[in-house]
Amino acid sequence: MFSKTKIALSAAMVLSTAFPASAAHRGHPASYNKVPAAQSDQYPVLDVAPVCHGIASQGELEAGLRATSFDECVKSEQAVGDELKKVWSTFNSADKRHCTAETTMGGESSYTELVTCLEMARDVRELHKQPDSLSEQHIPTAPTGHRQPTRQ
């Protein structure tokens, strides 16, 4: 399970992506990431400093969340990265390329965002493998006046 710190970091990262300029004024370009998009199955080395600067500067903005320091954020990201490295080979190659490209887009990247993308892609792929996961019986009835969704 996720610790409160990891949940707080995840929430702060979501907030920091809404405000990419938070890293730009600290000397980090908000629109560019120095990590090239994944061209292969190679494990990416991400620069987590920009996102951690954003998280550290916005930590006191959210009521009820414990402020996260830059060092705590970097350590947490390194721990997530170390765990991800252990299971990297278990993920689909196309998902790795897609998620790495998505994670590094916009200048602020994190291993937490990368692992979340990979796990969601894997879980959706597994759901689609189940025989009745997309059957008509699982589609709720459309509200009055709307067209009923159908399989494509």
N, C-alpha and C. Protein backbone atom coordinates (compact mmCIF):
# COMPACT_ATOMS: atom_id res chain seq x y z
N MET A 1 0.84 -1.18 0.00
CA MET A 1 0.00 0.00 0.00
C MET A 1 0.88 1.25 0.00
N PHE A 2 0.27 2.34 -0.37
CA PHE A 2 1.01 3.58 -0.43
C PHE A 2 1.00 4.27 0.92
N SER A 3 2.11 4.86 1.26
CA SER A 3 2.19 5.60 2.50
C SER A 3 1.56 6.97 2.29
N LYS A 4 1.29 7.66 3.39
CA LYS A 4 0.71 9.00 3.29
C LYS A 4 1.64 9.93 2.53
N THR A 5 2.96 9.75 2.69
CA THR A 5 3.92 10.60 1.99
C THR A 5 3.82 10.39 0.49
N LYS A 6 3.71 9.13 0.04
CA LYS A 6 3.60 8.86 -1.39
C LYS A 6 2.30 9.42 -1.95
N ILE A 7 1.23 9.32 -1.19
CA ILE A 7 -0.05 9.86 -1.64
C ILE A 7 0.05 11.38 -1.73
N ALA A 8 0.66 12.00 -0.73
CA ALA A 8 0.82 13.45 -0.75
C ALA A 8 1.71 13.88 -1.91
N LEU A 9 2.78 13.11 -2.17
CA LEU A 9 3.65 13.44 -3.30
C LEU A 9 2.90 13.30 -4.61
N SER A 10 2.09 12.28 -4.74
CA SER A 10 1.31 12.09 -5.96
C SER A 10 0.34 13.25 -6.16
N ALA A 11 -0.33 13.64 -5.11
CA ALA A 11 -1.26 14.76 -5.20
C ALA A 11 -0.51 16.05 -5.55
N ALA A 12 0.64 16.25 -4.94
CA ALA A 12 1.42 17.44 -5.22
C ALA A 12 1.93 17.44 -6.65
N MET A 13 2.26 16.25 -7.17
CA MET A 13 2.73 16.19 -8.56
C MET A 13 1.61 16.54 -9.52
N VAL A 14 0.41 16.11 -9.22
CA VAL A 14 -0.72 16.46 -10.07
C VAL A 14 -0.89 17.98 -10.07
N LEU A 15 -0.78 18.58 -8.90
CA LEU A 15 -0.88 20.04 -8.81
C LEU A 15 0.26 20.73 -9.54
N SER A 16 1.46 20.17 -9.43
CA SER A 16 2.61 20.81 -10.06
C SER A 16 2.55 20.75 -11.57
N THR A 17 1.89 19.73 -12.13
CA THR A 17 1.77 19.67 -13.58
C THR A 17 0.82 20.74 -14.09
N ALA A 18 -0.08 21.19 -13.22
CA ALA A 18 -0.98 22.27 -13.61
C ALA A 18 -0.26 23.61 -13.59
N PHE A 19 0.88 23.68 -12.92
CA PHE A 19 1.63 24.92 -12.80
C PHE A 19 3.08 24.71 -13.19
N PRO A 20 3.39 24.38 -14.48
CA PRO A 20 4.76 24.08 -14.86
C PRO A 20 5.69 25.27 -14.74
N ALA A 21 5.15 26.48 -14.69
CA ALA A 21 6.01 27.65 -14.56
C ALA A 21 6.71 27.68 -13.20
N SER A 22 6.22 26.89 -12.25
CA SER A 22 6.85 26.87 -10.93
C SER A 22 8.30 26.44 -11.00
N ALA A 23 8.64 25.60 -11.95
CA ALA A 23 10.02 25.17 -12.11
C ALA A 23 10.82 26.15 -12.95
N ALA A 24 10.15 26.84 -13.88
CA ALA A 24 10.86 27.72 -14.81
C ALA A 24 11.56 28.87 -14.09
N HIS A 25 10.93 29.42 -13.06
CA HIS A 25 11.57 30.55 -12.40
C HIS A 25 12.73 30.13 -11.51
N ARG A 26 12.99 28.86 -11.37
CA ARG A 26 14.13 28.37 -10.60
C ARG A 26 15.27 27.95 -11.51
N GLY A 27 15.17 28.31 -12.77
CA GLY A 27 16.24 27.96 -13.68
C GLY A 27 16.02 26.66 -14.42
N HIS A 28 14.86 26.03 -14.22
CA HIS A 28 14.55 24.79 -14.92
C HIS A 28 13.59 25.12 -16.06
N PRO A 29 13.93 24.79 -17.29
CA PRO A 29 13.00 25.08 -18.38
C PRO A 29 11.74 24.25 -18.23
N ALA A 30 10.60 24.91 -18.21
CA ALA A 30 9.34 24.20 -18.01
C ALA A 30 8.86 23.50 -19.27
N SER A 31 9.30 23.92 -20.42
CA SER A 31 8.76 23.34 -21.64
C SER A 31 9.67 22.29 -22.26
N TYR A 32 10.82 22.03 -21.67
CA TYR A 32 11.73 21.04 -22.23
C TYR A 32 12.21 20.11 -21.15
N ASN A 33 12.39 18.87 -21.52
CA ASN A 33 12.96 17.90 -20.59
C ASN A 33 14.23 17.38 -21.22
N LYS A 34 15.28 17.29 -20.45
CA LYS A 34 16.56 16.85 -20.98
C LYS A 34 16.60 15.35 -21.24
N VAL A 35 15.56 14.63 -20.84
CA VAL A 35 15.49 13.19 -21.05
C VAL A 35 14.79 12.93 -22.37
N PRO A 36 15.47 12.29 -23.34
CA PRO A 36 14.79 11.99 -24.60
C PRO A 36 13.71 10.94 -24.39
N ALA A 37 12.68 11.03 -25.21
CA ALA A 37 11.62 10.03 -25.13
C ALA A 37 12.21 8.66 -25.41
N ALA A 38 11.63 7.65 -24.78
CA ALA A 38 12.16 6.29 -24.91
C ALA A 38 12.10 5.82 -26.36
N GLN A 39 13.21 5.38 -26.87
CA GLN A 39 13.28 4.84 -28.22
C GLN A 39 13.36 3.33 -28.18
N SER A 40 13.53 2.78 -27.01
CA SER A 40 13.68 1.34 -26.86
C SER A 40 13.14 0.92 -25.50
N ASP A 41 13.48 -0.28 -25.10
CA ASP A 41 13.07 -0.76 -23.79
C ASP A 41 14.01 -0.34 -22.68
N GLN A 42 14.94 0.52 -22.99
CA GLN A 42 15.94 0.94 -22.01
C GLN A 42 15.27 1.72 -20.87
N TYR A 43 15.67 1.41 -19.64
CA TYR A 43 15.14 2.09 -18.47
C TYR A 43 15.52 3.57 -18.52
N PRO A 44 14.56 4.49 -18.38
CA PRO A 44 14.88 5.92 -18.49
C PRO A 44 15.47 6.49 -17.20
N VAL A 45 16.37 7.41 -17.35
CA VAL A 45 16.91 8.16 -16.22
C VAL A 45 16.23 9.52 -16.25
N LEU A 46 15.38 9.78 -15.28
CA LEU A 46 14.59 10.99 -15.25
C LEU A 46 15.21 12.05 -14.36
N ASP A 47 15.05 13.30 -14.75
CA ASP A 47 15.46 14.43 -13.93
C ASP A 47 14.26 14.84 -13.10
N VAL A 48 14.24 14.46 -11.83
CA VAL A 48 13.09 14.73 -10.97
C VAL A 48 13.21 16.07 -10.25
N ALA A 49 14.33 16.76 -10.42
CA ALA A 49 14.53 18.04 -9.72
C ALA A 49 13.43 19.06 -10.02
N PRO A 50 13.05 19.28 -11.28
CA PRO A 50 12.01 20.29 -11.52
C PRO A 50 10.68 19.98 -10.83
N VAL A 51 10.23 18.74 -10.90
CA VAL A 51 8.96 18.41 -10.25
C VAL A 51 9.09 18.50 -8.74
N CYS A 52 10.23 18.12 -8.20
CA CYS A 52 10.43 18.20 -6.74
C CYS A 52 10.52 19.65 -6.27
N HIS A 53 11.12 20.52 -7.08
CA HIS A 53 11.11 21.96 -6.72
C HIS A 53 9.68 22.47 -6.68
N GLY A 54 8.86 22.08 -7.66
CA GLY A 54 7.46 22.49 -7.68
C GLY A 54 6.69 21.97 -6.50
N ILE A 55 6.90 20.70 -6.16
CA ILE A 55 6.21 20.10 -5.03
C ILE A 55 6.62 20.78 -3.73
N ALA A 56 7.91 21.02 -3.56
CA ALA A 56 8.40 21.65 -2.33
C ALA A 56 7.86 23.07 -2.19
N SER A 57 7.75 23.80 -3.30
CA SER A 57 7.26 25.18 -3.22
C SER A 57 5.76 25.26 -3.04
N GLN A 58 5.03 24.22 -3.45
CA GLN A 58 3.57 24.24 -3.34
C GLN A 58 3.05 23.45 -2.16
N GLY A 59 3.93 22.84 -1.40
CA GLY A 59 3.51 22.00 -0.28
C GLY A 59 2.67 22.71 0.75
N GLU A 60 2.97 23.98 0.99
CA GLU A 60 2.22 24.70 2.02
C GLU A 60 0.90 25.27 1.48
N LEU A 61 0.64 25.11 0.18
CA LEU A 61 -0.58 25.65 -0.40
C LEU A 61 -1.80 24.80 -0.13
N GLU A 62 -1.63 23.52 0.08
CA GLU A 62 -2.74 22.61 0.27
C GLU A 62 -3.02 22.38 1.75
N ALA A 63 -4.19 22.77 2.18
CA ALA A 63 -4.57 22.56 3.58
C ALA A 63 -4.67 21.07 3.87
N GLY A 64 -4.11 20.66 4.96
CA GLY A 64 -4.21 19.27 5.38
C GLY A 64 -3.08 18.39 4.89
N LEU A 65 -2.32 18.84 3.91
CA LEU A 65 -1.19 18.06 3.42
C LEU A 65 0.08 18.51 4.13
N ARG A 66 0.88 17.55 4.51
CA ARG A 66 2.15 17.87 5.15
C ARG A 66 3.08 18.43 4.09
N ALA A 67 3.76 19.50 4.39
CA ALA A 67 4.72 20.08 3.45
C ALA A 67 5.83 19.07 3.16
N THR A 68 6.17 18.94 1.91
CA THR A 68 7.21 18.00 1.50
C THR A 68 8.43 18.80 1.05
N SER A 69 9.56 18.49 1.62
CA SER A 69 10.77 19.21 1.25
C SER A 69 11.31 18.66 -0.07
N PHE A 70 12.19 19.43 -0.68
CA PHE A 70 12.82 19.01 -1.93
C PHE A 70 13.55 17.69 -1.74
N ASP A 71 14.31 17.57 -0.65
CA ASP A 71 15.09 16.36 -0.39
C ASP A 71 14.19 15.14 -0.17
N GLU A 72 13.07 15.31 0.55
CA GLU A 72 12.13 14.20 0.75
C GLU A 72 11.55 13.74 -0.59
N CYS A 73 11.23 14.70 -1.43
CA CYS A 73 10.67 14.38 -2.74
C CYS A 73 11.67 13.60 -3.58
N VAL A 74 12.91 14.07 -3.63
CA VAL A 74 13.94 13.39 -4.42
C VAL A 74 14.16 11.98 -3.90
N LYS A 75 14.24 11.82 -2.58
CA LYS A 75 14.43 10.49 -2.00
C LYS A 75 13.26 9.57 -2.34
N SER A 76 12.05 10.09 -2.26
CA SER A 76 10.88 9.29 -2.58
C SER A 76 10.89 8.89 -4.05
N GLU A 77 11.22 9.81 -4.93
CA GLU A 77 11.28 9.52 -6.36
C GLU A 77 12.38 8.49 -6.66
N GLN A 78 13.51 8.60 -5.97
CA GLN A 78 14.59 7.63 -6.17
C GLN A 78 14.14 6.24 -5.72
N ALA A 79 13.41 6.17 -4.61
CA ALA A 79 12.92 4.88 -4.11
C ALA A 79 11.92 4.27 -5.10
N VAL A 80 11.02 5.09 -5.63
CA VAL A 80 10.06 4.60 -6.62
C VAL A 80 10.80 4.14 -7.87
N GLY A 81 11.81 4.93 -8.29
CA GLY A 81 12.62 4.56 -9.45
C GLY A 81 13.36 3.25 -9.25
N ASP A 82 13.88 3.03 -8.06
CA ASP A 82 14.59 1.79 -7.76
C ASP A 82 13.65 0.59 -7.83
N GLU A 83 12.43 0.75 -7.31
CA GLU A 83 11.44 -0.33 -7.36
C GLU A 83 11.00 -0.58 -8.80
N LEU A 84 10.82 0.49 -9.56
CA LEU A 84 10.40 0.35 -10.95
C LEU A 84 11.47 -0.38 -11.77
N LYS A 85 12.72 -0.08 -11.49
CA LYS A 85 13.81 -0.71 -12.23
C LYS A 85 13.77 -2.24 -12.07
N LYS A 86 13.36 -2.70 -10.89
CA LYS A 86 13.29 -4.15 -10.62
C LYS A 86 12.24 -4.85 -11.47
N VAL A 87 11.15 -4.14 -11.80
CA VAL A 87 10.05 -4.77 -12.54
C VAL A 87 9.92 -4.24 -13.97
N TRP A 88 10.85 -3.41 -14.39
CA TRP A 88 10.81 -2.77 -15.71
C TRP A 88 10.59 -3.78 -16.84
N SER A 89 11.27 -4.90 -16.78
CA SER A 89 11.20 -5.89 -17.86
C SER A 89 9.83 -6.56 -17.96
N THR A 90 8.98 -6.43 -16.94
CA THR A 90 7.68 -7.09 -16.97
C THR A 90 6.62 -6.29 -17.74
N PHE A 91 6.93 -5.04 -18.07
CA PHE A 91 5.95 -4.20 -18.76
C PHE A 91 6.09 -4.34 -20.27
N ASN A 92 4.99 -4.11 -20.98
CA ASN A 92 4.90 -4.17 -22.43
C ASN A 92 5.80 -3.09 -23.04
N SER A 93 6.53 -3.43 -24.11
CA SER A 93 7.46 -2.49 -24.75
C SER A 93 6.77 -1.23 -25.24
N ALA A 94 5.62 -1.39 -25.90
CA ALA A 94 4.90 -0.22 -26.41
C ALA A 94 4.45 0.68 -25.26
N ASP A 95 4.01 0.08 -24.16
CA ASP A 95 3.59 0.86 -22.99
C ASP A 95 4.78 1.61 -22.40
N LYS A 96 5.93 0.96 -22.36
CA LYS A 96 7.12 1.63 -21.82
C LYS A 96 7.47 2.85 -22.66
N ARG A 97 7.44 2.71 -23.99
CA ARG A 97 7.75 3.84 -24.86
C ARG A 97 6.72 4.95 -24.69
N HIS A 98 5.44 4.57 -24.70
CA HIS A 98 4.37 5.56 -24.58
C HIS A 98 4.43 6.30 -23.24
N CYS A 99 4.54 5.54 -22.15
CA CYS A 99 4.53 6.14 -20.82
C CYS A 99 5.77 6.99 -20.56
N THR A 100 6.91 6.56 -21.07
CA THR A 100 8.13 7.36 -20.90
C THR A 100 7.99 8.67 -21.66
N ALA A 101 7.48 8.61 -22.88
CA ALA A 101 7.28 9.83 -23.67
C ALA A 101 6.28 10.76 -22.98
N GLU A 102 5.19 10.20 -22.48
CA GLU A 102 4.18 11.00 -21.79
C GLU A 102 4.72 11.60 -20.50
N THR A 103 5.47 10.83 -19.76
CA THR A 103 6.02 11.29 -18.48
C THR A 103 7.03 12.40 -18.65
N THR A 104 7.80 12.36 -19.72
CA THR A 104 8.86 13.36 -19.92
C THR A 104 8.37 14.58 -20.70
N MET A 105 7.15 14.56 -21.17
CA MET A 105 6.58 15.68 -21.91
C MET A 105 6.35 16.85 -20.97
N GLY A 106 6.73 18.02 -21.37
CA GLY A 106 6.40 19.21 -20.59
C GLY A 106 7.46 19.67 -19.61
N GLY A 107 8.55 18.95 -19.45
CA GLY A 107 9.65 19.46 -18.64
C GLY A 107 9.74 18.95 -17.22
N GLU A 108 8.66 18.44 -16.68
CA GLU A 108 8.70 17.91 -15.31
C GLU A 108 8.34 16.43 -15.37
N SER A 109 9.26 15.59 -14.94
CA SER A 109 9.02 14.15 -15.00
C SER A 109 9.26 13.52 -13.63
N SER A 110 8.56 12.39 -13.42
CA SER A 110 8.73 11.70 -12.15
C SER A 110 8.53 10.21 -12.36
N TYR A 111 9.22 9.43 -11.53
CA TYR A 111 9.06 7.98 -11.58
C TYR A 111 7.68 7.57 -11.08
N THR A 112 7.10 8.33 -10.16
CA THR A 112 5.77 8.03 -9.66
C THR A 112 4.76 8.12 -10.79
N GLU A 113 4.87 9.16 -11.61
CA GLU A 113 3.97 9.31 -12.76
C GLU A 113 4.21 8.20 -13.77
N LEU A 114 5.46 7.84 -14.00
CA LEU A 114 5.80 6.79 -14.95
C LEU A 114 5.23 5.44 -14.52
N VAL A 115 5.42 5.07 -13.27
CA VAL A 115 4.92 3.77 -12.80
C VAL A 115 3.39 3.74 -12.80
N THR A 116 2.76 4.87 -12.50
CA THR A 116 1.30 4.94 -12.54
C THR A 116 0.80 4.70 -13.96
N CYS A 117 1.41 5.33 -14.93
CA CYS A 117 1.04 5.14 -16.33
C CYS A 117 1.22 3.69 -16.75
N LEU A 118 2.36 3.11 -16.41
CA LEU A 118 2.64 1.72 -16.79
C LEU A 118 1.64 0.75 -16.16
N GLU A 119 1.34 0.94 -14.89
CA GLU A 119 0.40 0.05 -14.20
C GLU A 119 -1.00 0.18 -14.77
N MET A 120 -1.42 1.40 -15.09
CA MET A 120 -2.74 1.59 -15.67
C MET A 120 -2.82 0.95 -17.05
N ALA A 121 -1.79 1.13 -17.87
CA ALA A 121 -1.77 0.52 -19.21
C ALA A 121 -1.82 -1.00 -19.11
N ARG A 122 -1.04 -1.56 -18.19
CA ARG A 122 -1.03 -3.01 -17.99
C ARG A 122 -2.40 -3.51 -17.54
N ASP A 123 -3.02 -2.80 -16.60
CA ASP A 123 -4.30 -3.23 -16.07
C ASP A 123 -5.40 -3.15 -17.13
N VAL A 124 -5.39 -2.11 -17.95
CA VAL A 124 -6.37 -2.00 -19.02
C VAL A 124 -6.17 -3.12 -20.03
N ARG A 125 -4.92 -3.41 -20.37
CA ARG A 125 -4.61 -4.50 -21.31
C ARG A 125 -5.16 -5.83 -20.76
N GLU A 126 -4.99 -6.06 -19.48
CA GLU A 126 -5.49 -7.29 -18.86
C GLU A 126 -7.02 -7.34 -18.86
N LEU A 127 -7.66 -6.20 -18.61
CA LEU A 127 -9.12 -6.16 -18.64
C LEU A 127 -9.65 -6.51 -20.03
N HIS A 128 -8.99 -6.03 -21.05
CA HIS A 128 -9.42 -6.30 -22.42
C HIS A 128 -9.23 -7.77 -22.80
N LYS A 129 -8.37 -8.48 -22.11
CA LYS A 129 -8.16 -9.90 -22.38
C LYS A 129 -9.28 -10.76 -21.80
N GLN A 130 -9.99 -10.25 -20.80
CA GLN A 130 -11.06 -11.02 -20.17
C GLN A 130 -12.22 -11.16 -21.15
N PRO A 131 -12.81 -12.36 -21.23
CA PRO A 131 -13.82 -12.66 -22.25
C PRO A 131 -15.01 -11.71 -22.29
N ASP A 132 -15.59 -11.37 -21.17
CA ASP A 132 -16.80 -10.55 -21.17
C ASP A 132 -16.57 -9.13 -20.64
N SER A 133 -15.35 -8.66 -20.67
CA SER A 133 -15.07 -7.36 -20.07
C SER A 133 -15.71 -6.22 -20.84
N LEU A 134 -15.95 -6.39 -22.14
CA LEU A 134 -16.52 -5.31 -22.94
C LEU A 134 -17.89 -5.67 -23.50
N SER A 135 -18.55 -6.62 -22.91
CA SER A 135 -19.83 -7.07 -23.45
C SER A 135 -20.91 -6.03 -23.25
N GLU A 136 -21.96 -6.16 -24.03
CA GLU A 136 -23.10 -5.25 -23.95
C GLU A 136 -23.72 -5.23 -22.56
N GLN A 137 -23.66 -6.34 -21.86
CA GLN A 137 -24.30 -6.41 -20.55
C GLN A 137 -23.65 -5.50 -19.52
N HIS A 138 -22.41 -5.05 -19.76
CA HIS A 138 -21.72 -4.18 -18.81
C HIS A 138 -21.88 -2.70 -19.15
N ILE A 139 -22.59 -2.39 -20.24
CA ILE A 139 -22.78 -1.00 -20.62
C ILE A 139 -24.07 -0.52 -19.97
N PRO A 140 -23.98 0.54 -19.14
CA PRO A 140 -25.20 1.02 -18.49
C PRO A 140 -26.15 1.65 -19.50
N THR A 141 -27.42 1.70 -19.15
CA THR A 141 -28.43 2.30 -20.02
C THR A 141 -28.17 3.80 -20.12
N ALA A 142 -28.28 4.32 -21.34
CA ALA A 142 -28.08 5.75 -21.56
C ALA A 142 -29.24 6.54 -20.97
N PRO A 143 -28.98 7.76 -20.50
CA PRO A 143 -30.07 8.59 -19.97
C PRO A 143 -31.09 8.89 -21.07
N THR A 144 -32.31 9.21 -20.70
CA THR A 144 -33.38 9.53 -21.65
C THR A 144 -32.92 10.66 -22.57
N GLY A 145 -33.12 10.44 -23.86
CA GLY A 145 -32.75 11.45 -24.85
C GLY A 145 -31.35 11.28 -25.40
N HIS A 146 -30.60 10.29 -24.90
CA HIS A 146 -29.24 10.03 -25.38
C HIS A 146 -29.19 8.69 -26.08
N ARG A 147 -28.30 8.57 -27.03
CA ARG A 147 -28.12 7.34 -27.78
C ARG A 147 -27.44 6.29 -26.90
N GLN A 148 -27.92 5.06 -26.97
CA GLN A 148 -27.32 3.96 -26.21
C GLN A 148 -25.94 3.62 -26.81
N PRO A 149 -24.87 3.57 -25.99
CA PRO A 149 -23.55 3.19 -26.53
C PRO A 149 -23.55 1.75 -27.00
N THR A 150 -22.80 1.47 -28.05
CA THR A 150 -22.69 0.11 -28.59
C THR A 150 -21.23 -0.24 -28.77
N ARG A 151 -20.98 -1.53 -28.97
CA ARG A 151 -19.61 -1.99 -29.22
C ARG A 151 -19.17 -1.49 -30.58
N GLN A 152 -17.89 -1.23 -30.71
CA GLN A 152 -17.35 -0.77 -31.99
C GLN A 152 -16.74 -1.89 -32.75
